[in-house]
Full PDB file with SEQRES, HELIX, SHEET, SSBOND, CRYST1, ORIGX, SCALE, CONECT and MASTER records, all heavy atoms in Angstrom:
SEQRES   1 A   32  CYS LEU ARG LYS ASN LEU THR GLY GLU VAL MET GLY ARG          
SEQRES   2 A   32  ILE GLU LYS ALA GLY PHE LYS ILE VAL ALA MET GLU ILE          
SEQRES   3 A   32  VAL LYS LEU THR PRO GLN                                      
HELIX    1 AA1 THR A    7  LYS A   16  1                                  10    
CRYST1    1.000    1.000    1.000  90.00  90.00  90.00 P 1           1          
ORIGX1      1.000000  0.000000  0.000000        0.00000                         
ORIGX2      0.000000  1.000000  0.000000        0.00000                         
ORIGX3      0.000000  0.000000  1.000000        0.00000                         
SCALE1      1.000000  0.000000  0.000000        0.00000                         
SCALE2      0.000000  1.000000  0.000000        0.00000                         
SCALE3      0.000000  0.000000  1.000000        0.00000                         
ATOM      1  N   CYS A   1      42.032  18.558 -43.663  1.00  0.00           N  
ATOM      2  CA  CYS A   1      43.500  18.412 -43.510  1.00  0.00           C  
ATOM      3  C   CYS A   1      44.164  19.392 -44.393  1.00  0.00           C  
ATOM      4  O   CYS A   1      45.080  20.085 -43.916  1.00  0.00           O  
ATOM      5  CB  CYS A   1      43.842  16.950 -43.915  1.00  0.00           C  
ATOM      6  SG  CYS A   1      45.551  16.553 -43.658  1.00  0.00           S  
ATOM      7  N   LEU A   2      43.634  19.519 -45.581  1.00  0.00           N  
ATOM      8  CA  LEU A   2      44.298  20.459 -46.482  1.00  0.00           C  
ATOM      9  C   LEU A   2      44.009  21.975 -46.048  1.00  0.00           C  
ATOM     10  O   LEU A   2      44.918  22.731 -46.108  1.00  0.00           O  
ATOM     11  CB  LEU A   2      43.805  20.311 -47.934  1.00  0.00           C  
ATOM     12  CG  LEU A   2      44.648  19.178 -48.676  1.00  0.00           C  
ATOM     13  CD1 LEU A   2      44.397  17.804 -48.228  1.00  0.00           C  
ATOM     14  CD2 LEU A   2      44.493  19.303 -50.135  1.00  0.00           C  
ATOM     15  N   ARG A   3      42.831  22.211 -45.619  1.00  0.00           N  
ATOM     16  CA  ARG A   3      42.511  23.624 -45.152  1.00  0.00           C  
ATOM     17  C   ARG A   3      43.305  23.985 -43.989  1.00  0.00           C  
ATOM     18  O   ARG A   3      43.677  25.205 -43.843  1.00  0.00           O  
ATOM     19  CB  ARG A   3      41.031  23.628 -44.713  1.00  0.00           C  
ATOM     20  CG  ARG A   3      40.145  24.019 -45.881  1.00  0.00           C  
ATOM     21  CD  ARG A   3      38.655  24.505 -45.404  1.00  0.00           C  
ATOM     22  NE  ARG A   3      37.880  23.389 -44.877  1.00  0.00           N  
ATOM     23  CZ  ARG A   3      37.094  22.580 -45.635  1.00  0.00           C  
ATOM     24  NH1 ARG A   3      37.096  22.782 -46.894  1.00  0.00           N  
ATOM     25  NH2 ARG A   3      36.434  21.720 -45.131  1.00  0.00           N  
ATOM     26  N   LYS A   4      43.671  23.031 -43.121  1.00  0.00           N  
ATOM     27  CA  LYS A   4      44.364  23.357 -41.835  1.00  0.00           C  
ATOM     28  C   LYS A   4      45.923  23.193 -42.162  1.00  0.00           C  
ATOM     29  O   LYS A   4      46.759  23.351 -41.253  1.00  0.00           O  
ATOM     30  CB  LYS A   4      43.994  22.288 -40.856  1.00  0.00           C  
ATOM     31  CG  LYS A   4      42.659  22.536 -40.244  1.00  0.00           C  
ATOM     32  CD  LYS A   4      42.092  21.421 -39.507  1.00  0.00           C  
ATOM     33  CE  LYS A   4      42.589  21.273 -38.074  1.00  0.00           C  
ATOM     34  NZ  LYS A   4      41.963  20.267 -37.244  1.00  0.00           N  
ATOM     35  N   ASN A   5      46.372  23.054 -43.364  1.00  0.00           N  
ATOM     36  CA  ASN A   5      47.753  23.004 -43.814  1.00  0.00           C  
ATOM     37  C   ASN A   5      48.461  21.882 -43.017  1.00  0.00           C  
ATOM     38  O   ASN A   5      49.615  22.069 -42.606  1.00  0.00           O  
ATOM     39  CB  ASN A   5      48.413  24.297 -43.655  1.00  0.00           C  
ATOM     40  CG  ASN A   5      47.894  25.339 -44.588  1.00  0.00           C  
ATOM     41  OD1 ASN A   5      47.699  25.048 -45.804  1.00  0.00           O  
ATOM     42  ND2 ASN A   5      47.638  26.544 -44.151  1.00  0.00           N  
ATOM     43  N   LEU A   6      47.850  20.763 -42.862  1.00  0.00           N  
ATOM     44  CA  LEU A   6      48.393  19.625 -42.188  1.00  0.00           C  
ATOM     45  C   LEU A   6      48.882  18.585 -43.133  1.00  0.00           C  
ATOM     46  O   LEU A   6      49.408  17.480 -42.659  1.00  0.00           O  
ATOM     47  CB  LEU A   6      47.381  19.015 -41.201  1.00  0.00           C  
ATOM     48  CG  LEU A   6      47.045  19.838 -40.010  1.00  0.00           C  
ATOM     49  CD1 LEU A   6      45.805  19.210 -39.290  1.00  0.00           C  
ATOM     50  CD2 LEU A   6      48.163  19.974 -39.060  1.00  0.00           C  
ATOM     51  N   THR A   7      48.884  18.834 -44.392  1.00  0.00           N  
ATOM     52  CA  THR A   7      49.316  17.772 -45.348  1.00  0.00           C  
ATOM     53  C   THR A   7      50.755  17.205 -45.100  1.00  0.00           C  
ATOM     54  O   THR A   7      50.895  16.001 -44.995  1.00  0.00           O  
ATOM     55  CB  THR A   7      49.226  18.308 -46.786  1.00  0.00           C  
ATOM     56  OG1 THR A   7      47.888  18.898 -46.955  1.00  0.00           O  
ATOM     57  CG2 THR A   7      49.405  17.257 -47.848  1.00  0.00           C  
ATOM     58  N   GLY A   8      51.673  18.135 -44.998  1.00  0.00           N  
ATOM     59  CA  GLY A   8      53.027  17.682 -44.823  1.00  0.00           C  
ATOM     60  C   GLY A   8      53.302  16.947 -43.453  1.00  0.00           C  
ATOM     61  O   GLY A   8      53.966  15.940 -43.354  1.00  0.00           O  
ATOM     62  N   GLU A   9      52.597  17.448 -42.423  1.00  0.00           N  
ATOM     63  CA  GLU A   9      52.669  16.741 -41.065  1.00  0.00           C  
ATOM     64  C   GLU A   9      52.172  15.336 -41.211  1.00  0.00           C  
ATOM     65  O   GLU A   9      52.716  14.390 -40.748  1.00  0.00           O  
ATOM     66  CB  GLU A   9      51.971  17.631 -40.000  1.00  0.00           C  
ATOM     67  CG  GLU A   9      51.850  17.006 -38.740  1.00  0.00           C  
ATOM     68  CD  GLU A   9      53.167  17.019 -37.910  1.00  0.00           C  
ATOM     69  OE1 GLU A   9      53.976  17.938 -38.142  1.00  0.00           O  
ATOM     70  OE2 GLU A   9      53.403  16.156 -37.099  1.00  0.00           O  
ATOM     71  N   VAL A  10      51.002  15.187 -41.764  1.00  0.00           N  
ATOM     72  CA  VAL A  10      50.296  13.846 -41.932  1.00  0.00           C  
ATOM     73  C   VAL A  10      51.099  12.955 -42.744  1.00  0.00           C  
ATOM     74  O   VAL A  10      51.383  11.755 -42.433  1.00  0.00           O  
ATOM     75  CB  VAL A  10      48.858  13.987 -42.206  1.00  0.00           C  
ATOM     76  CG1 VAL A  10      48.217  12.645 -42.479  1.00  0.00           C  
ATOM     77  CG2 VAL A  10      48.022  14.807 -41.135  1.00  0.00           C  
ATOM     78  N   MET A  11      51.582  13.511 -43.961  1.00  0.00           N  
ATOM     79  CA  MET A  11      52.374  12.662 -44.858  1.00  0.00           C  
ATOM     80  C   MET A  11      53.623  12.189 -44.199  1.00  0.00           C  
ATOM     81  O   MET A  11      53.974  11.100 -44.421  1.00  0.00           O  
ATOM     82  CB  MET A  11      52.677  13.513 -46.123  1.00  0.00           C  
ATOM     83  CG  MET A  11      51.456  13.770 -47.020  1.00  0.00           C  
ATOM     84  SD  MET A  11      50.798  12.413 -47.786  1.00  0.00           S  
ATOM     85  CE  MET A  11      52.133  11.877 -48.800  1.00  0.00           C  
ATOM     86  N   GLY A  12      54.268  13.071 -43.422  1.00  0.00           N  
ATOM     87  CA  GLY A  12      55.534  12.628 -42.760  1.00  0.00           C  
ATOM     88  C   GLY A  12      55.283  11.472 -41.753  1.00  0.00           C  
ATOM     89  O   GLY A  12      56.019  10.509 -41.746  1.00  0.00           O  
ATOM     90  N   ARG A  13      54.159  11.568 -41.050  1.00  0.00           N  
ATOM     91  CA  ARG A  13      53.773  10.579 -40.059  1.00  0.00           C  
ATOM     92  C   ARG A  13      53.458   9.265 -40.780  1.00  0.00           C  
ATOM     93  O   ARG A  13      53.742   8.129 -40.351  1.00  0.00           O  
ATOM     94  CB  ARG A  13      52.631  10.984 -39.224  1.00  0.00           C  
ATOM     95  CG  ARG A  13      53.022  12.058 -38.253  1.00  0.00           C  
ATOM     96  CD  ARG A  13      51.874  12.629 -37.457  1.00  0.00           C  
ATOM     97  NE  ARG A  13      52.221  13.731 -36.575  1.00  0.00           N  
ATOM     98  CZ  ARG A  13      52.525  13.535 -35.284  1.00  0.00           C  
ATOM     99  NH1 ARG A  13      52.508  12.344 -34.708  1.00  0.00           N  
ATOM    100  NH2 ARG A  13      52.890  14.592 -34.541  1.00  0.00           N  
ATOM    101  N   ILE A  14      52.722   9.294 -41.915  1.00  0.00           N  
ATOM    102  CA  ILE A  14      52.484   8.111 -42.752  1.00  0.00           C  
ATOM    103  C   ILE A  14      53.739   7.471 -43.264  1.00  0.00           C  
ATOM    104  O   ILE A  14      53.924   6.188 -43.085  1.00  0.00           O  
ATOM    105  CB  ILE A  14      51.590   8.511 -44.010  1.00  0.00           C  
ATOM    106  CG1 ILE A  14      50.125   8.856 -43.547  1.00  0.00           C  
ATOM    107  CG2 ILE A  14      51.542   7.353 -44.991  1.00  0.00           C  
ATOM    108  CD1 ILE A  14      49.283   9.539 -44.668  1.00  0.00           C  
ATOM    109  N   GLU A  15      54.654   8.190 -43.639  1.00  0.00           N  
ATOM    110  CA  GLU A  15      55.953   7.608 -44.050  1.00  0.00           C  
ATOM    111  C   GLU A  15      56.746   7.011 -42.956  1.00  0.00           C  
ATOM    112  O   GLU A  15      57.353   5.930 -42.962  1.00  0.00           O  
ATOM    113  CB  GLU A  15      56.752   8.620 -44.888  1.00  0.00           C  
ATOM    114  CG  GLU A  15      56.202   8.886 -46.281  1.00  0.00           C  
ATOM    115  CD  GLU A  15      57.112   9.792 -47.111  1.00  0.00           C  
ATOM    116  OE1 GLU A  15      57.447  10.825 -46.543  1.00  0.00           O  
ATOM    117  OE2 GLU A  15      57.261   9.485 -48.311  1.00  0.00           O  
ATOM    118  N   LYS A  16      56.752   7.738 -41.762  1.00  0.00           N  
ATOM    119  CA  LYS A  16      57.473   7.282 -40.592  1.00  0.00           C  
ATOM    120  C   LYS A  16      56.905   5.963 -40.053  1.00  0.00           C  
ATOM    121  O   LYS A  16      57.572   5.206 -39.449  1.00  0.00           O  
ATOM    122  CB  LYS A  16      57.518   8.353 -39.579  1.00  0.00           C  
ATOM    123  CG  LYS A  16      58.465   9.423 -39.791  1.00  0.00           C  
ATOM    124  CD  LYS A  16      58.481  10.504 -38.719  1.00  0.00           C  
ATOM    125  CE  LYS A  16      59.487  11.622 -39.154  1.00  0.00           C  
ATOM    126  NZ  LYS A  16      59.141  12.832 -38.438  1.00  0.00           N  
ATOM    127  N   ALA A  17      55.614   5.786 -40.442  1.00  0.00           N  
ATOM    128  CA  ALA A  17      54.923   4.569 -39.937  1.00  0.00           C  
ATOM    129  C   ALA A  17      55.164   3.370 -40.839  1.00  0.00           C  
ATOM    130  O   ALA A  17      54.612   2.279 -40.718  1.00  0.00           O  
ATOM    131  CB  ALA A  17      53.425   4.810 -39.809  1.00  0.00           C  
ATOM    132  N   GLY A  18      56.008   3.576 -41.907  1.00  0.00           N  
ATOM    133  CA  GLY A  18      56.420   2.565 -42.768  1.00  0.00           C  
ATOM    134  C   GLY A  18      55.586   2.322 -44.035  1.00  0.00           C  
ATOM    135  O   GLY A  18      55.746   1.335 -44.739  1.00  0.00           O  
ATOM    136  N   PHE A  19      54.688   3.174 -44.307  1.00  0.00           N  
ATOM    137  CA  PHE A  19      53.861   3.112 -45.580  1.00  0.00           C  
ATOM    138  C   PHE A  19      54.652   3.736 -46.668  1.00  0.00           C  
ATOM    139  O   PHE A  19      55.336   4.781 -46.527  1.00  0.00           O  
ATOM    140  CB  PHE A  19      52.605   3.857 -45.404  1.00  0.00           C  
ATOM    141  CG  PHE A  19      51.670   3.215 -44.396  1.00  0.00           C  
ATOM    142  CD1 PHE A  19      51.659   3.621 -43.021  1.00  0.00           C  
ATOM    143  CD2 PHE A  19      50.768   2.145 -44.797  1.00  0.00           C  
ATOM    144  CE1 PHE A  19      50.850   3.025 -42.149  1.00  0.00           C  
ATOM    145  CE2 PHE A  19      49.917   1.607 -43.863  1.00  0.00           C  
ATOM    146  CZ  PHE A  19      49.956   2.026 -42.553  1.00  0.00           C  
ATOM    147  N   LYS A  20      54.604   3.114 -47.805  1.00  0.00           N  
ATOM    148  CA  LYS A  20      55.274   3.604 -49.163  1.00  0.00           C  
ATOM    149  C   LYS A  20      54.163   4.288 -49.870  1.00  0.00           C  
ATOM    150  O   LYS A  20      53.151   3.596 -50.189  1.00  0.00           O  
ATOM    151  CB  LYS A  20      55.904   2.429 -49.757  1.00  0.00           C  
ATOM    152  CG  LYS A  20      56.613   2.909 -51.030  1.00  0.00           C  
ATOM    153  CD  LYS A  20      57.347   1.810 -51.703  1.00  0.00           C  
ATOM    154  CE  LYS A  20      57.995   2.397 -52.959  1.00  0.00           C  
ATOM    155  NZ  LYS A  20      58.729   1.364 -53.690  1.00  0.00           N  
ATOM    156  N   ILE A  21      54.403   5.390 -50.426  1.00  0.00           N  
ATOM    157  CA  ILE A  21      53.508   6.098 -51.289  1.00  0.00           C  
ATOM    158  C   ILE A  21      53.718   5.534 -52.717  1.00  0.00           C  
ATOM    159  O   ILE A  21      54.794   5.706 -53.247  1.00  0.00           O  
ATOM    160  CB  ILE A  21      53.676   7.639 -51.307  1.00  0.00           C  
ATOM    161  CG1 ILE A  21      53.385   8.123 -49.850  1.00  0.00           C  
ATOM    162  CG2 ILE A  21      52.851   8.342 -52.291  1.00  0.00           C  
ATOM    163  CD1 ILE A  21      53.818   9.593 -49.616  1.00  0.00           C  
ATOM    164  N   VAL A  22      52.551   4.999 -53.325  1.00  0.00           N  
ATOM    165  CA  VAL A  22      52.766   4.435 -54.663  1.00  0.00           C  
ATOM    166  C   VAL A  22      51.986   5.388 -55.699  1.00  0.00           C  
ATOM    167  O   VAL A  22      52.215   5.206 -56.847  1.00  0.00           O  
ATOM    168  CB  VAL A  22      52.361   2.992 -54.832  1.00  0.00           C  
ATOM    169  CG1 VAL A  22      53.313   2.119 -53.956  1.00  0.00           C  
ATOM    170  CG2 VAL A  22      50.880   2.707 -54.300  1.00  0.00           C  
ATOM    171  N   ALA A  23      51.090   6.192 -55.271  1.00  0.00           N  
ATOM    172  CA  ALA A  23      50.450   7.152 -56.059  1.00  0.00           C  
ATOM    173  C   ALA A  23      49.707   8.279 -55.196  1.00  0.00           C  
ATOM    174  O   ALA A  23      49.346   7.885 -54.118  1.00  0.00           O  
ATOM    175  CB  ALA A  23      49.461   6.487 -57.006  1.00  0.00           C  
ATOM    176  N   MET A  24      49.692   9.395 -55.656  1.00  0.00           N  
ATOM    177  CA  MET A  24      48.953  10.390 -54.968  1.00  0.00           C  
ATOM    178  C   MET A  24      48.612  11.605 -55.924  1.00  0.00           C  
ATOM    179  O   MET A  24      49.257  11.813 -56.939  1.00  0.00           O  
ATOM    180  CB  MET A  24      49.698  11.005 -53.734  1.00  0.00           C  
ATOM    181  CG  MET A  24      50.957  11.738 -53.930  1.00  0.00           C  
ATOM    182  SD  MET A  24      51.635  12.155 -52.409  1.00  0.00           S  
ATOM    183  CE  MET A  24      52.436  13.687 -52.858  1.00  0.00           C  
ATOM    184  N   GLU A  25      47.570  12.334 -55.547  1.00  0.00           N  
ATOM    185  CA  GLU A  25      47.177  13.494 -56.324  1.00  0.00           C  
ATOM    186  C   GLU A  25      46.288  14.288 -55.438  1.00  0.00           C  
ATOM    187  O   GLU A  25      45.856  14.019 -54.416  1.00  0.00           O  
ATOM    188  CB  GLU A  25      46.375  13.090 -57.619  1.00  0.00           C  
ATOM    189  CG  GLU A  25      45.097  12.438 -57.336  1.00  0.00           C  
ATOM    190  CD  GLU A  25      44.281  12.044 -58.512  1.00  0.00           C  
ATOM    191  OE1 GLU A  25      44.603  12.552 -59.679  1.00  0.00           O  
ATOM    192  OE2 GLU A  25      43.396  11.174 -58.467  1.00  0.00           O  
ATOM    193  N   ILE A  26      46.130  15.589 -55.916  1.00  0.00           N  
ATOM    194  CA  ILE A  26      45.228  16.521 -55.268  1.00  0.00           C  
ATOM    195  C   ILE A  26      44.039  16.707 -56.150  1.00  0.00           C  
ATOM    196  O   ILE A  26      44.286  17.016 -57.346  1.00  0.00           O  
ATOM    197  CB  ILE A  26      45.899  17.917 -54.913  1.00  0.00           C  
ATOM    198  CG1 ILE A  26      47.027  17.686 -53.891  1.00  0.00           C  
ATOM    199  CG2 ILE A  26      44.943  18.884 -54.384  1.00  0.00           C  
ATOM    200  CD1 ILE A  26      47.860  18.887 -53.621  1.00  0.00           C  
ATOM    201  N   VAL A  27      42.789  16.619 -55.632  1.00  0.00           N  
ATOM    202  CA  VAL A  27      41.639  16.711 -56.464  1.00  0.00           C  
ATOM    203  C   VAL A  27      40.606  17.525 -55.619  1.00  0.00           C  
ATOM    204  O   VAL A  27      40.662  17.628 -54.464  1.00  0.00           O  
ATOM    205  CB  VAL A  27      41.003  15.325 -56.817  1.00  0.00           C  
ATOM    206  CG1 VAL A  27      41.985  14.467 -57.601  1.00  0.00           C  
ATOM    207  CG2 VAL A  27      40.608  14.558 -55.516  1.00  0.00           C  
ATOM    208  N   LYS A  28      39.618  17.985 -56.430  1.00  0.00           N  
ATOM    209  CA  LYS A  28      38.467  18.574 -55.717  1.00  0.00           C  
ATOM    210  C   LYS A  28      37.253  17.713 -56.277  1.00  0.00           C  
ATOM    211  O   LYS A  28      36.900  17.813 -57.430  1.00  0.00           O  
ATOM    212  CB  LYS A  28      38.219  20.077 -56.121  1.00  0.00           C  
ATOM    213  CG  LYS A  28      36.900  20.538 -55.372  1.00  0.00           C  
ATOM    214  CD  LYS A  28      36.961  22.038 -55.248  1.00  0.00           C  
ATOM    215  CE  LYS A  28      35.786  22.634 -54.437  1.00  0.00           C  
ATOM    216  NZ  LYS A  28      34.536  21.980 -54.544  1.00  0.00           N  
ATOM    217  N   LEU A  29      36.661  16.861 -55.360  1.00  0.00           N  
ATOM    218  CA  LEU A  29      35.611  15.978 -55.767  1.00  0.00           C  
ATOM    219  C   LEU A  29      34.358  16.850 -56.041  1.00  0.00           C  
ATOM    220  O   LEU A  29      34.045  17.774 -55.271  1.00  0.00           O  
ATOM    221  CB  LEU A  29      35.297  15.033 -54.702  1.00  0.00           C  
ATOM    222  CG  LEU A  29      36.310  13.946 -54.336  1.00  0.00           C  
ATOM    223  CD1 LEU A  29      35.921  13.201 -53.192  1.00  0.00           C  
ATOM    224  CD2 LEU A  29      36.535  13.047 -55.506  1.00  0.00           C  
ATOM    225  N   THR A  30      33.657  16.542 -57.115  1.00  0.00           N  
ATOM    226  CA  THR A  30      32.351  17.106 -57.381  1.00  0.00           C  
ATOM    227  C   THR A  30      31.422  16.396 -56.416  1.00  0.00           C  
ATOM    228  O   THR A  30      31.652  15.250 -55.962  1.00  0.00           O  
ATOM    229  CB  THR A  30      31.919  16.915 -58.792  1.00  0.00           C  
ATOM    230  OG1 THR A  30      31.746  15.459 -59.036  1.00  0.00           O  
ATOM    231  CG2 THR A  30      32.848  17.441 -59.811  1.00  0.00           C  
ATOM    232  N   PRO A  31      30.246  17.050 -56.166  1.00  0.00           N  
ATOM    233  CA  PRO A  31      29.262  16.261 -55.338  1.00  0.00           C  
ATOM    234  C   PRO A  31      28.904  14.847 -55.936  1.00  0.00           C  
ATOM    235  O   PRO A  31      28.863  13.932 -55.175  1.00  0.00           O  
ATOM    236  CB  PRO A  31      28.059  17.225 -55.306  1.00  0.00           C  
ATOM    237  CG  PRO A  31      28.660  18.550 -55.434  1.00  0.00           C  
ATOM    238  CD  PRO A  31      29.835  18.368 -56.395  1.00  0.00           C  
ATOM    239  N   GLN A  32      28.823  14.752 -57.268  1.00  0.00           N  
ATOM    240  CA  GLN A  32      28.419  13.545 -57.866  1.00  0.00           C  
ATOM    241  C   GLN A  32      29.601  12.509 -57.592  1.00  0.00           C  
ATOM    242  O   GLN A  32      29.311  11.346 -57.285  1.00  0.00           O  
ATOM    243  CB  GLN A  32      28.227  13.707 -59.298  1.00  0.00           C  
ATOM    244  CG  GLN A  32      27.873  12.411 -60.053  1.00  0.00           C  
ATOM    245  CD  GLN A  32      26.662  11.743 -59.428  1.00  0.00           C  
ATOM    246  OE1 GLN A  32      25.684  12.412 -59.016  1.00  0.00           O  
ATOM    247  NE2 GLN A  32      26.611  10.419 -59.358  1.00  0.00           N  
TER     248      GLN A  32                                                      
MASTER        0    0    0    1    0    0    0    6  247    1    0    3          
END                                                                             
């Protein structure tokens, strides 16, 4: 999603579907 630059598009759809964002962050997970 992030590689394809769809973050804004997907976030907009999430909000339009009535979900409220209560926390978010960008991370890079380690394999562990």
